[in-house]
Amino acid sequence: MTSIINRFENIKSLINNSNIKIIAVSKTFSCEEIKPLRAHGHLHYGENKVQEAQSKWINLKKNNLNISLHMIGKLQSNKVKDAVKLFDYIHSLDSQKLANTLAKQEGILNKKLKYFIQVNIGNEKQKGGIRADLLDDFYYYCVKELKINIIGLMCIPPNDSNTNEYFKKLMELNKLLGLKELSMGMSADYKVALNYETTFVRIGSSIFGSRF
């Protein structure tokens, strides 16, 4: 259990910037496995499936009001109601249909979330995200028409040698929109993302260990 804290503190020391928030990606890890980090006082956690998040976090969040839960996986429209109830941040806003459904549920539940628009920075067919050339229109639709709180952009770059290029491009797009937050960097590439003004890094296995 101590090794989780050691790994977490090592990552914190490498980042060495209190303005950068570490999202501990707890998907597939049990409440018991997450417990040491919660006891250590960490507040930001990420899940990629609504149903799994419900099974772990509904009661934990009731008893720990300061915890922020981040949806980092693909969000299906039929899961939006449950997602809006439970999550505080959505990192995977990637379509007008999803934005419409989220805005509607926010109104019904009288709750405002914080959103990152997922950008398909490498134009990969198998990945979700808004194409960079469609980003401006989508952003203004979300903000002006739907009045939802877009705080930044997010990407999962292609698994190739151009990670710096992708992160730099997303940073520049974020600046053009005047957004303050940026969600980039996972266990394998967060050190690269630190060079491009990321403010949220999504780290799982480097904290909790390998997933089986």
N, C-alpha and C. Protein backbone atom coordinates (compact mmCIF):
# COMPACT_ATOMS: atom_id res chain seq x y z
N MET A 1 0.83 -1.20 0.00
CA MET A 1 0.00 0.00 0.00
C MET A 1 0.87 1.26 0.00
N THR A 2 1.96 1.21 0.77
CA THR A 2 2.84 2.37 0.84
C THR A 2 3.41 2.73 -0.51
N SER A 3 3.62 1.70 -1.36
CA SER A 3 4.23 1.97 -2.66
C SER A 3 3.35 2.86 -3.53
N ILE A 4 2.03 2.79 -3.36
CA ILE A 4 1.13 3.68 -4.09
C ILE A 4 1.43 5.13 -3.73
N ILE A 5 1.58 5.38 -2.45
CA ILE A 5 1.88 6.74 -1.99
C ILE A 5 3.26 7.17 -2.46
N ASN A 6 4.21 6.26 -2.40
CA ASN A 6 5.57 6.57 -2.88
C ASN A 6 5.57 6.94 -4.35
N ARG A 7 4.85 6.15 -5.15
CA ARG A 7 4.80 6.42 -6.59
C ARG A 7 4.10 7.75 -6.86
N PHE A 8 3.02 7.99 -6.13
CA PHE A 8 2.29 9.25 -6.28
C PHE A 8 3.17 10.44 -5.93
N GLU A 9 3.87 10.36 -4.80
CA GLU A 9 4.72 11.47 -4.37
C GLU A 9 5.89 11.67 -5.32
N ASN A 10 6.37 10.59 -5.90
CA ASN A 10 7.45 10.70 -6.89
C ASN A 10 6.98 11.46 -8.13
N ILE A 11 5.77 11.15 -8.59
CA ILE A 11 5.20 11.85 -9.74
C ILE A 11 5.00 13.33 -9.40
N LYS A 12 4.48 13.60 -8.20
CA LYS A 12 4.31 14.98 -7.78
C LYS A 12 5.62 15.75 -7.79
N SER A 13 6.68 15.11 -7.33
CA SER A 13 7.98 15.78 -7.28
C SER A 13 8.54 16.02 -8.68
N LEU A 14 8.25 15.10 -9.62
CA LEU A 14 8.69 15.28 -11.00
C LEU A 14 7.93 16.43 -11.67
N ILE A 15 6.64 16.53 -11.36
CA ILE A 15 5.83 17.61 -11.92
C ILE A 15 6.24 18.95 -11.30
N ASN A 16 6.38 18.94 -9.98
CA ASN A 16 6.91 20.11 -9.25
C ASN A 16 6.18 21.40 -9.60
N ASN A 17 4.87 21.31 -9.65
CA ASN A 17 4.04 22.49 -9.96
C ASN A 17 2.67 22.27 -9.35
N SER A 18 2.37 23.03 -8.32
CA SER A 18 1.11 22.83 -7.59
C SER A 18 -0.12 23.22 -8.42
N ASN A 19 0.10 23.93 -9.53
CA ASN A 19 -1.03 24.31 -10.39
C ASN A 19 -1.46 23.19 -11.33
N ILE A 20 -0.64 22.15 -11.44
CA ILE A 20 -0.98 21.02 -12.29
C ILE A 20 -1.65 19.94 -11.44
N LYS A 21 -2.86 19.59 -11.80
CA LYS A 21 -3.62 18.62 -11.01
C LYS A 21 -3.41 17.21 -11.57
N ILE A 22 -3.14 16.29 -10.66
CA ILE A 22 -2.99 14.88 -11.04
C ILE A 22 -4.33 14.19 -10.86
N ILE A 23 -4.87 13.68 -11.97
CA ILE A 23 -6.07 12.84 -11.90
C ILE A 23 -5.59 11.40 -11.75
N ALA A 24 -5.85 10.81 -10.61
CA ALA A 24 -5.48 9.42 -10.38
C ALA A 24 -6.54 8.55 -11.06
N VAL A 25 -6.15 7.90 -12.15
CA VAL A 25 -7.10 7.13 -12.95
C VAL A 25 -7.33 5.79 -12.27
N SER A 26 -8.49 5.69 -11.64
CA SER A 26 -8.78 4.55 -10.77
C SER A 26 -9.62 3.47 -11.46
N LYS A 27 -9.81 3.58 -12.77
CA LYS A 27 -10.58 2.56 -13.49
C LYS A 27 -9.94 1.19 -13.29
N THR A 28 -10.77 0.20 -13.06
CA THR A 28 -10.42 -1.21 -12.82
C THR A 28 -9.81 -1.46 -11.44
N PHE A 29 -9.51 -0.41 -10.70
CA PHE A 29 -8.98 -0.62 -9.35
C PHE A 29 -10.11 -0.51 -8.33
N SER A 30 -10.06 -1.36 -7.32
CA SER A 30 -11.13 -1.44 -6.34
C SER A 30 -11.07 -0.30 -5.33
N CYS A 31 -12.15 -0.13 -4.59
CA CYS A 31 -12.19 0.88 -3.52
C CYS A 31 -11.05 0.67 -2.53
N GLU A 32 -10.76 -0.60 -2.25
CA GLU A 32 -9.70 -0.92 -1.30
C GLU A 32 -8.33 -0.50 -1.83
N GLU A 33 -8.14 -0.68 -3.14
CA GLU A 33 -6.87 -0.29 -3.75
C GLU A 33 -6.70 1.23 -3.83
N ILE A 34 -7.82 1.93 -3.92
CA ILE A 34 -7.79 3.40 -3.99
C ILE A 34 -7.65 4.02 -2.60
N LYS A 35 -8.05 3.28 -1.59
CA LYS A 35 -8.14 3.81 -0.22
C LYS A 35 -6.88 4.50 0.28
N PRO A 36 -5.67 3.93 0.07
CA PRO A 36 -4.47 4.61 0.58
C PRO A 36 -4.29 6.02 0.03
N LEU A 37 -4.63 6.21 -1.24
CA LEU A 37 -4.47 7.53 -1.84
C LEU A 37 -5.52 8.50 -1.31
N ARG A 38 -6.73 8.01 -1.08
CA ARG A 38 -7.75 8.86 -0.47
C ARG A 38 -7.33 9.26 0.94
N ALA A 39 -6.81 8.29 1.69
CA ALA A 39 -6.36 8.58 3.06
C ALA A 39 -5.20 9.57 3.06
N HIS A 40 -4.45 9.57 1.99
CA HIS A 40 -3.32 10.49 1.84
C HIS A 40 -3.78 11.92 1.53
N GLY A 41 -5.08 12.06 1.21
CA GLY A 41 -5.66 13.38 0.98
C GLY A 41 -5.82 13.78 -0.47
N HIS A 42 -5.57 12.83 -1.39
CA HIS A 42 -5.72 13.19 -2.81
C HIS A 42 -7.19 13.28 -3.19
N LEU A 43 -7.52 14.25 -4.06
CA LEU A 43 -8.94 14.57 -4.30
C LEU A 43 -9.43 14.36 -5.73
N HIS A 44 -8.54 14.17 -6.71
CA HIS A 44 -8.97 14.07 -8.11
C HIS A 44 -8.80 12.63 -8.62
N TYR A 45 -9.91 12.04 -9.08
CA TYR A 45 -9.90 10.65 -9.56
C TYR A 45 -10.62 10.57 -10.90
N GLY A 46 -10.16 9.64 -11.74
CA GLY A 46 -10.73 9.49 -13.07
C GLY A 46 -11.26 8.09 -13.32
N GLU A 47 -12.40 8.02 -13.97
CA GLU A 47 -13.00 6.75 -14.37
C GLU A 47 -13.40 6.85 -15.84
N ASN A 48 -13.46 5.69 -16.52
CA ASN A 48 -13.83 5.76 -17.94
C ASN A 48 -15.13 5.02 -18.26
N LYS A 49 -15.79 4.48 -17.23
CA LYS A 49 -17.09 3.84 -17.43
C LYS A 49 -18.04 4.28 -16.33
N VAL A 50 -19.23 4.73 -16.72
CA VAL A 50 -20.19 5.26 -15.76
C VAL A 50 -20.60 4.20 -14.76
N GLN A 51 -20.90 2.99 -15.25
CA GLN A 51 -21.40 1.94 -14.36
C GLN A 51 -20.37 1.57 -13.29
N GLU A 52 -19.11 1.43 -13.70
CA GLU A 52 -18.07 1.11 -12.72
C GLU A 52 -17.90 2.25 -11.73
N ALA A 53 -17.96 3.48 -12.21
CA ALA A 53 -17.83 4.63 -11.32
C ALA A 53 -18.95 4.67 -10.28
N GLN A 54 -20.17 4.34 -10.71
CA GLN A 54 -21.29 4.32 -9.77
C GLN A 54 -21.05 3.31 -8.65
N SER A 55 -20.56 2.14 -9.03
CA SER A 55 -20.38 1.07 -8.03
C SER A 55 -19.33 1.44 -7.00
N LYS A 56 -18.41 2.33 -7.34
CA LYS A 56 -17.31 2.68 -6.44
C LYS A 56 -17.49 4.02 -5.74
N TRP A 57 -18.07 4.99 -6.44
CA TRP A 57 -17.93 6.37 -5.98
C TRP A 57 -19.19 7.01 -5.40
N ILE A 58 -20.35 6.45 -5.60
CA ILE A 58 -21.57 7.11 -5.10
C ILE A 58 -21.48 7.34 -3.59
N ASN A 59 -21.19 6.27 -2.86
CA ASN A 59 -21.11 6.42 -1.40
C ASN A 59 -19.85 7.14 -0.96
N LEU A 60 -18.75 6.86 -1.66
CA LEU A 60 -17.50 7.53 -1.29
C LEU A 60 -17.62 9.05 -1.43
N LYS A 61 -18.30 9.50 -2.47
CA LYS A 61 -18.44 10.94 -2.68
C LYS A 61 -19.40 11.56 -1.66
N LYS A 62 -20.40 10.81 -1.25
CA LYS A 62 -21.32 11.33 -0.23
C LYS A 62 -20.57 11.61 1.07
N ASN A 63 -19.59 10.76 1.36
CA ASN A 63 -18.83 10.89 2.60
C ASN A 63 -17.55 11.70 2.45
N ASN A 64 -17.23 12.08 1.22
CA ASN A 64 -16.02 12.86 0.94
C ASN A 64 -16.37 13.94 -0.07
N LEU A 65 -16.96 15.02 0.43
CA LEU A 65 -17.54 16.02 -0.46
C LEU A 65 -16.50 16.79 -1.27
N ASN A 66 -15.23 16.74 -0.85
CA ASN A 66 -14.19 17.48 -1.57
C ASN A 66 -13.64 16.73 -2.78
N ILE A 67 -14.00 15.45 -2.91
CA ILE A 67 -13.48 14.67 -4.03
C ILE A 67 -14.09 15.15 -5.35
N SER A 68 -13.24 15.27 -6.36
CA SER A 68 -13.70 15.58 -7.71
C SER A 68 -13.52 14.35 -8.59
N LEU A 69 -14.59 13.98 -9.27
CA LEU A 69 -14.57 12.79 -10.12
C LEU A 69 -14.61 13.21 -11.59
N HIS A 70 -13.68 12.66 -12.36
CA HIS A 70 -13.49 13.02 -13.76
C HIS A 70 -13.88 11.86 -14.67
N MET A 71 -14.78 12.12 -15.61
CA MET A 71 -15.11 11.13 -16.64
C MET A 71 -14.11 11.31 -17.78
N ILE A 72 -13.25 10.31 -17.99
CA ILE A 72 -12.19 10.44 -18.99
C ILE A 72 -12.40 9.52 -20.19
N GLY A 73 -13.43 8.67 -20.13
CA GLY A 73 -13.68 7.74 -21.23
C GLY A 73 -14.80 8.23 -22.13
N LYS A 74 -15.03 7.48 -23.17
CA LYS A 74 -16.13 7.77 -24.10
C LYS A 74 -17.46 7.75 -23.35
N LEU A 75 -18.25 8.79 -23.50
CA LEU A 75 -19.53 8.88 -22.81
C LEU A 75 -20.67 8.68 -23.80
N GLN A 76 -21.46 7.64 -23.56
CA GLN A 76 -22.62 7.36 -24.41
C GLN A 76 -23.81 8.22 -23.95
N SER A 77 -24.62 8.64 -24.90
CA SER A 77 -25.74 9.53 -24.58
C SER A 77 -26.70 8.91 -23.57
N ASN A 78 -26.87 7.58 -23.62
CA ASN A 78 -27.81 6.94 -22.70
C ASN A 78 -27.27 6.85 -21.27
N LYS A 79 -26.02 7.23 -21.06
CA LYS A 79 -25.42 7.23 -19.72
C LYS A 79 -25.28 8.64 -19.16
N VAL A 80 -25.76 9.63 -19.91
CA VAL A 80 -25.52 11.02 -19.53
C VAL A 80 -26.19 11.38 -18.20
N LYS A 81 -27.43 10.95 -18.00
CA LYS A 81 -28.13 11.28 -16.76
C LYS A 81 -27.33 10.84 -15.54
N ASP A 82 -26.88 9.60 -15.56
CA ASP A 82 -26.10 9.07 -14.44
C ASP A 82 -24.75 9.78 -14.32
N ALA A 83 -24.16 10.12 -15.47
CA ALA A 83 -22.85 10.79 -15.45
C ALA A 83 -22.97 12.18 -14.83
N VAL A 84 -24.00 12.93 -15.20
CA VAL A 84 -24.17 14.28 -14.67
C VAL A 84 -24.41 14.24 -13.16
N LYS A 85 -25.12 13.24 -12.70
CA LYS A 85 -25.36 13.10 -11.26
C LYS A 85 -24.06 12.89 -10.49
N LEU A 86 -23.15 12.09 -11.05
CA LEU A 86 -22.00 11.61 -10.29
C LEU A 86 -20.71 12.40 -10.52
N PHE A 87 -20.46 12.78 -11.78
CA PHE A 87 -19.17 13.37 -12.12
C PHE A 87 -19.16 14.89 -11.93
N ASP A 88 -17.96 15.42 -11.78
CA ASP A 88 -17.75 16.86 -11.67
C ASP A 88 -17.14 17.43 -12.95
N TYR A 89 -16.33 16.62 -13.62
CA TYR A 89 -15.67 17.00 -14.87
C TYR A 89 -15.94 15.94 -15.93
N ILE A 90 -16.14 16.38 -17.17
CA ILE A 90 -16.20 15.48 -18.32
C ILE A 90 -15.06 15.88 -19.26
N HIS A 91 -14.18 14.92 -19.56
CA HIS A 91 -13.03 15.21 -20.42
C HIS A 91 -13.25 14.78 -21.86
N SER A 92 -14.40 14.20 -22.16
CA SER A 92 -14.58 13.55 -23.47
C SER A 92 -15.80 14.07 -24.22
N LEU A 93 -16.05 15.36 -24.13
CA LEU A 93 -17.14 15.97 -24.91
C LEU A 93 -16.71 16.02 -26.37
N ASP A 94 -17.42 15.29 -27.23
CA ASP A 94 -16.91 15.12 -28.59
C ASP A 94 -17.97 15.16 -29.69
N SER A 95 -19.18 15.60 -29.37
CA SER A 95 -20.20 15.69 -30.42
C SER A 95 -21.32 16.63 -30.00
N GLN A 96 -22.01 17.17 -31.01
CA GLN A 96 -23.13 18.06 -30.73
C GLN A 96 -24.26 17.32 -30.04
N LYS A 97 -24.49 16.08 -30.45
CA LYS A 97 -25.54 15.28 -29.81
C LYS A 97 -25.26 15.11 -28.32
N LEU A 98 -24.02 14.78 -27.99
CA LEU A 98 -23.66 14.61 -26.58
C LEU A 98 -23.79 15.93 -25.82
N ALA A 99 -23.34 17.01 -26.43
CA ALA A 99 -23.43 18.32 -25.79
C ALA A 99 -24.89 18.69 -25.50
N ASN A 100 -25.77 18.44 -26.46
CA ASN A 100 -27.20 18.72 -26.27
C ASN A 100 -27.76 17.93 -25.10
N THR A 101 -27.42 16.66 -25.03
CA THR A 101 -27.93 15.78 -23.97
C THR A 101 -27.39 16.20 -22.61
N LEU A 102 -26.13 16.56 -22.55
CA LEU A 102 -25.54 17.02 -21.30
C LEU A 102 -26.19 18.31 -20.81
N ALA A 103 -26.38 19.25 -21.73
CA ALA A 103 -27.00 20.53 -21.36
C ALA A 103 -28.42 20.30 -20.83
N LYS A 104 -29.15 19.41 -21.47
CA LYS A 104 -30.52 19.11 -21.03
C LYS A 104 -30.52 18.53 -19.62
N GLN A 105 -29.63 17.58 -19.35
CA GLN A 105 -29.58 16.96 -18.03
C GLN A 105 -29.09 17.93 -16.96
N GLU A 106 -28.19 18.81 -17.32
CA GLU A 106 -27.77 19.84 -16.36
C GLU A 106 -28.98 20.65 -15.90
N GLY A 107 -29.84 20.99 -16.86
CA GLY A 107 -31.04 21.76 -16.52
C GLY A 107 -31.99 20.98 -15.64
N ILE A 108 -32.19 19.71 -15.96
CA ILE A 108 -33.10 18.87 -15.18
C ILE A 108 -32.60 18.68 -13.76
N LEU A 109 -31.29 18.44 -13.63
CA LEU A 109 -30.70 18.14 -12.32
C LEU A 109 -30.19 19.37 -11.59
N ASN A 110 -30.27 20.52 -12.25
CA ASN A 110 -29.80 21.78 -11.66
C ASN A 110 -28.36 21.64 -11.16
N LYS A 111 -27.51 21.16 -12.05
CA LYS A 111 -26.11 20.96 -11.70
C LYS A 111 -25.24 21.38 -12.89
N LYS A 112 -24.17 22.09 -12.61
CA LYS A 112 -23.24 22.52 -13.67
C LYS A 112 -21.93 21.76 -13.53
N LEU A 113 -21.51 21.16 -14.64
CA LEU A 113 -20.23 20.44 -14.67
C LEU A 113 -19.18 21.28 -15.39
N LYS A 114 -17.95 20.82 -15.33
CA LYS A 114 -16.85 21.44 -16.08
C LYS A 114 -16.46 20.49 -17.20
N TYR A 115 -16.27 21.05 -18.40
CA TYR A 115 -16.07 20.22 -19.58
C TYR A 115 -14.76 20.52 -20.30
N PHE A 116 -14.16 19.45 -20.80
CA PHE A 116 -13.08 19.55 -21.78
C PHE A 116 -13.62 19.01 -23.10
N ILE A 117 -13.36 19.73 -24.17
CA ILE A 117 -13.67 19.22 -25.50
C ILE A 117 -12.54 18.30 -25.93
N GLN A 118 -12.88 17.07 -26.29
CA GLN A 118 -11.86 16.14 -26.79
C GLN A 118 -11.61 16.44 -28.26
N VAL A 119 -10.35 16.68 -28.57
CA VAL A 119 -9.95 16.98 -29.95
C VAL A 119 -9.22 15.76 -30.52
N ASN A 120 -9.65 15.34 -31.70
CA ASN A 120 -8.98 14.22 -32.38
C ASN A 120 -7.74 14.79 -33.07
N ILE A 121 -6.70 14.97 -32.29
CA ILE A 121 -5.55 15.75 -32.71
C ILE A 121 -4.75 15.08 -33.84
N GLY A 122 -4.88 13.76 -33.97
CA GLY A 122 -4.17 13.05 -35.02
C GLY A 122 -5.06 12.58 -36.16
N ASN A 123 -6.35 13.04 -36.15
CA ASN A 123 -7.33 12.63 -37.17
C ASN A 123 -7.38 11.12 -37.34
N GLU A 124 -7.49 10.42 -36.21
CA GLU A 124 -7.55 8.96 -36.22
C GLU A 124 -9.00 8.50 -36.29
N LYS A 125 -9.29 7.65 -37.25
CA LYS A 125 -10.67 7.20 -37.45
C LYS A 125 -11.22 6.42 -36.25
N GLN A 126 -10.33 5.71 -35.55
CA GLN A 126 -10.79 4.84 -34.46
C GLN A 126 -10.98 5.59 -33.15
N LYS A 127 -10.63 6.88 -33.12
CA LYS A 127 -10.72 7.64 -31.87
C LYS A 127 -11.83 8.68 -31.93
N GLY A 128 -12.41 8.96 -30.76
CA GLY A 128 -13.38 10.02 -30.65
C GLY A 128 -12.69 11.37 -30.67
N GLY A 129 -13.50 12.41 -30.72
CA GLY A 129 -12.95 13.76 -30.67
C GLY A 129 -13.38 14.60 -31.86
N ILE A 130 -13.41 15.89 -31.65
CA ILE A 130 -13.73 16.86 -32.69
C ILE A 130 -12.50 17.12 -33.55
N ARG A 131 -12.66 17.16 -34.85
CA ARG A 131 -11.54 17.53 -35.72
C ARG A 131 -11.13 18.97 -35.45
N ALA A 132 -9.85 19.24 -35.54
CA ALA A 132 -9.34 20.57 -35.23
C ALA A 132 -9.99 21.65 -36.08
N ASP A 133 -10.29 21.33 -37.34
CA ASP A 133 -10.87 22.34 -38.23
C ASP A 133 -12.35 22.63 -37.91
N LEU A 134 -12.97 21.79 -37.09
CA LEU A 134 -14.37 21.99 -36.69
C LEU A 134 -14.49 22.51 -35.26
N LEU A 135 -13.35 22.70 -34.61
CA LEU A 135 -13.35 23.01 -33.18
C LEU A 135 -14.00 24.35 -32.87
N ASP A 136 -13.67 25.39 -33.62
CA ASP A 136 -14.21 26.72 -33.32
C ASP A 136 -15.73 26.72 -33.30
N ASP A 137 -16.34 26.18 -34.33
CA ASP A 137 -17.80 26.17 -34.42
C ASP A 137 -18.42 25.38 -33.28
N PHE A 138 -17.80 24.24 -32.96
CA PHE A 138 -18.34 23.41 -31.89
C PHE A 138 -18.22 24.11 -30.54
N TYR A 139 -17.07 24.71 -30.30
CA TYR A 139 -16.85 25.43 -29.03
C TYR A 139 -17.89 26.53 -28.85
N TYR A 140 -18.09 27.34 -29.88
CA TYR A 140 -19.02 28.46 -29.75
C TYR A 140 -20.47 27.97 -29.64
N TYR A 141 -20.78 26.86 -30.27
CA TYR A 141 -22.12 26.28 -30.11
C TYR A 141 -22.35 25.89 -28.64
N CYS A 142 -21.35 25.21 -28.05
CA CYS A 142 -21.47 24.77 -26.65
C CYS A 142 -21.61 25.96 -25.70
N VAL A 143 -20.81 26.98 -25.93
CA VAL A 143 -20.75 28.11 -24.99
C VAL A 143 -21.91 29.08 -25.21
N LYS A 144 -22.19 29.42 -26.47
CA LYS A 144 -23.20 30.45 -26.75
C LYS A 144 -24.62 29.88 -26.76
N GLU A 145 -24.79 28.72 -27.41
CA GLU A 145 -26.13 28.16 -27.55
C GLU A 145 -26.56 27.36 -26.32
N LEU A 146 -25.64 26.54 -25.81
CA LEU A 146 -25.99 25.63 -24.72
C LEU A 146 -25.62 26.15 -23.34
N LYS A 147 -24.73 27.14 -23.31
CA LYS A 147 -24.30 27.73 -22.03
C LYS A 147 -23.67 26.69 -21.11
N ILE A 148 -22.90 25.76 -21.68
CA ILE A 148 -22.19 24.82 -20.81
C ILE A 148 -20.76 25.29 -20.62
N ASN A 149 -20.19 24.89 -19.51
CA ASN A 149 -18.93 25.45 -19.02
C ASN A 149 -17.73 24.71 -19.60
N ILE A 150 -17.25 25.17 -20.74
CA ILE A 150 -16.06 24.59 -21.36
C ILE A 150 -14.83 25.24 -20.73
N ILE A 151 -14.00 24.43 -20.07
CA ILE A 151 -12.82 25.00 -19.39
C ILE A 151 -11.52 24.73 -20.15
N GLY A 152 -11.55 23.79 -21.11
CA GLY A 152 -10.31 23.50 -21.82
C GLY A 152 -10.49 22.41 -22.86
N LEU A 153 -9.38 22.02 -23.45
CA LEU A 153 -9.35 20.96 -24.46
C LEU A 153 -8.64 19.73 -23.90
N MET A 154 -8.91 18.59 -24.50
CA MET A 154 -8.29 17.32 -24.12
C MET A 154 -7.91 16.56 -25.37
N CYS A 155 -6.82 15.78 -25.31
CA CYS A 155 -6.51 14.88 -26.42
C CYS A 155 -5.83 13.63 -25.91
N ILE A 156 -5.94 12.59 -26.72
CA ILE A 156 -5.15 11.37 -26.56
C ILE A 156 -4.36 11.24 -27.86
N PRO A 157 -3.08 11.59 -27.84
CA PRO A 157 -2.34 11.63 -29.10
C PRO A 157 -2.10 10.24 -29.68
N PRO A 158 -1.88 10.17 -30.99
CA PRO A 158 -1.53 8.88 -31.60
C PRO A 158 -0.27 8.30 -30.97
N ASN A 159 -0.19 7.00 -31.02
CA ASN A 159 0.97 6.31 -30.44
C ASN A 159 2.10 6.26 -31.47
N ASP A 160 2.70 7.42 -31.71
CA ASP A 160 3.82 7.47 -32.65
C ASP A 160 4.89 8.41 -32.08
N SER A 161 5.80 8.82 -32.90
CA SER A 161 6.95 9.58 -32.40
C SER A 161 6.72 11.09 -32.37
N ASN A 162 5.50 11.52 -32.69
CA ASN A 162 5.25 12.96 -32.81
C ASN A 162 4.49 13.55 -31.63
N THR A 163 4.66 12.96 -30.44
CA THR A 163 3.89 13.41 -29.28
C THR A 163 4.08 14.90 -29.01
N ASN A 164 5.30 15.38 -29.09
CA ASN A 164 5.55 16.81 -28.88
C ASN A 164 4.72 17.67 -29.84
N GLU A 165 4.67 17.26 -31.09
CA GLU A 165 3.94 18.01 -32.11
C GLU A 165 2.45 18.09 -31.79
N TYR A 166 1.87 16.95 -31.34
CA TYR A 166 0.44 16.91 -31.03
C TYR A 166 0.13 17.78 -29.81
N PHE A 167 0.95 17.66 -28.77
CA PHE A 167 0.71 18.45 -27.57
C PHE A 167 0.88 19.95 -27.85
N LYS A 168 1.84 20.29 -28.65
CA LYS A 168 2.05 21.70 -29.02
C LYS A 168 0.84 22.23 -29.77
N LYS A 169 0.30 21.43 -30.69
CA LYS A 169 -0.86 21.86 -31.46
C LYS A 169 -2.07 22.08 -30.56
N LEU A 170 -2.30 21.16 -29.61
CA LEU A 170 -3.44 21.32 -28.72
C LEU A 170 -3.27 22.55 -27.83
N MET A 171 -2.06 22.77 -27.33
CA MET A 171 -1.78 23.96 -26.53
C MET A 171 -2.12 25.22 -27.32
N GLU A 172 -1.73 25.25 -28.58
CA GLU A 172 -1.99 26.44 -29.41
C GLU A 172 -3.49 26.62 -29.66
N LEU A 173 -4.21 25.53 -29.91
CA LEU A 173 -5.66 25.61 -30.10
C LEU A 173 -6.33 26.13 -28.83
N ASN A 174 -5.85 25.65 -27.69
CA ASN A 174 -6.40 26.07 -26.40
C ASN A 174 -6.23 27.58 -26.20
N LYS A 175 -5.04 28.06 -26.55
CA LYS A 175 -4.75 29.49 -26.42
C LYS A 175 -5.63 30.33 -27.35
N LEU A 176 -5.83 29.85 -28.57
CA LEU A 176 -6.65 30.59 -29.52
C LEU A 176 -8.08 30.78 -29.02
N LEU A 177 -8.57 29.81 -28.25
CA LEU A 177 -9.92 29.92 -27.68
C LEU A 177 -9.93 30.66 -26.35
N GLY A 178 -8.74 30.97 -25.83
CA GLY A 178 -8.65 31.69 -24.56
C GLY A 178 -9.01 30.85 -23.36
N LEU A 179 -8.80 29.54 -23.47
CA LEU A 179 -9.15 28.63 -22.37
C LEU A 179 -7.99 28.47 -21.40
N LYS A 180 -8.33 28.25 -20.13
CA LYS A 180 -7.32 28.25 -19.07
C LYS A 180 -6.79 26.87 -18.73
N GLU A 181 -7.59 25.83 -18.95
CA GLU A 181 -7.20 24.48 -18.54
C GLU A 181 -6.88 23.64 -19.77
N LEU A 182 -6.08 22.60 -19.54
CA LEU A 182 -5.65 21.73 -20.64
C LEU A 182 -5.43 20.33 -20.08
N SER A 183 -6.10 19.35 -20.66
CA SER A 183 -6.02 17.96 -20.18
C SER A 183 -5.21 17.14 -21.16
N MET A 184 -3.91 16.97 -20.87
CA MET A 184 -3.05 16.14 -21.71
C MET A 184 -2.00 15.48 -20.84
N GLY A 185 -1.67 14.26 -21.24
CA GLY A 185 -0.61 13.53 -20.57
C GLY A 185 -1.15 12.39 -19.73
N MET A 186 -0.64 11.19 -20.01
CA MET A 186 -0.98 10.00 -19.24
C MET A 186 0.33 9.39 -18.73
N SER A 187 0.25 8.20 -18.17
CA SER A 187 1.43 7.60 -17.56
C SER A 187 2.64 7.61 -18.49
N ALA A 188 2.42 7.29 -19.76
CA ALA A 188 3.55 7.14 -20.69
C ALA A 188 4.10 8.45 -21.21
N ASP A 189 3.28 9.53 -21.17
CA ASP A 189 3.73 10.75 -21.85
C ASP A 189 3.50 12.04 -21.05
N TYR A 190 3.17 11.93 -19.77
CA TYR A 190 2.86 13.16 -19.03
C TYR A 190 4.06 14.08 -18.91
N LYS A 191 5.27 13.51 -18.90
CA LYS A 191 6.47 14.35 -18.78
C LYS A 191 6.62 15.23 -20.03
N VAL A 192 6.20 14.71 -21.18
CA VAL A 192 6.22 15.51 -22.41
C VAL A 192 5.15 16.62 -22.32
N ALA A 193 3.98 16.26 -21.83
CA ALA A 193 2.87 17.23 -21.74
C ALA A 193 3.21 18.41 -20.84
N LEU A 194 4.08 18.18 -19.86
CA LEU A 194 4.47 19.26 -18.95
C LEU A 194 5.14 20.41 -19.69
N ASN A 195 5.72 20.12 -20.84
CA ASN A 195 6.39 21.17 -21.63
C ASN A 195 5.41 22.03 -22.42
N TYR A 196 4.12 21.64 -22.41
CA TYR A 196 3.14 22.33 -23.26
C TYR A 196 1.93 22.80 -22.45
N GLU A 197 2.20 23.24 -21.24
CA GLU A 197 1.22 23.98 -20.41
C GLU A 197 0.00 23.18 -20.02
N THR A 198 0.12 21.85 -19.95
CA THR A 198 -1.00 21.08 -19.44
C THR A 198 -1.29 21.47 -18.00
N THR A 199 -2.56 21.40 -17.62
CA THR A 199 -2.93 21.69 -16.23
C THR A 199 -3.55 20.49 -15.53
N PHE A 200 -3.95 19.47 -16.30
CA PHE A 200 -4.45 18.22 -15.74
C PHE A 200 -3.73 17.06 -16.44
N VAL A 201 -3.13 16.17 -15.66
CA VAL A 201 -2.56 14.95 -16.22
C VAL A 201 -3.36 13.76 -15.69
N ARG A 202 -3.55 12.75 -16.52
CA ARG A 202 -4.41 11.61 -16.21
C ARG A 202 -3.52 10.38 -16.04
N ILE A 203 -3.22 10.02 -14.80
CA ILE A 203 -2.21 9.00 -14.53
C ILE A 203 -2.80 7.85 -13.72
N GLY A 204 -2.71 6.66 -14.26
CA GLY A 204 -3.26 5.49 -13.59
C GLY A 204 -2.22 4.49 -13.16
N SER A 205 -1.69 3.73 -14.13
CA SER A 205 -0.79 2.62 -13.80
C SER A 205 0.50 3.09 -13.11
N SER A 206 0.96 4.28 -13.40
CA SER A 206 2.18 4.77 -12.74
C SER A 206 1.95 5.08 -11.27
N ILE A 207 0.67 5.16 -10.86
CA ILE A 207 0.35 5.34 -9.45
C ILE A 207 -0.07 4.02 -8.82
N PHE A 208 -1.06 3.35 -9.43
CA PHE A 208 -1.67 2.18 -8.82
C PHE A 208 -0.99 0.87 -9.18
N GLY A 209 -0.14 0.89 -10.21
CA GLY A 209 0.49 -0.35 -10.68
C GLY A 209 -0.21 -0.87 -11.92
N SER A 210 0.30 -1.97 -12.43
CA SER A 210 -0.23 -2.52 -13.69
C SER A 210 -1.65 -3.04 -13.53
N ARG A 211 -2.42 -2.89 -14.61
CA ARG A 211 -3.77 -3.47 -14.64
C ARG A 211 -3.67 -4.88 -15.20
N PHE A 212 -4.45 -5.78 -14.63
CA PHE A 212 -4.41 -7.18 -15.08
C PHE A 212 -5.69 -7.54 -15.81
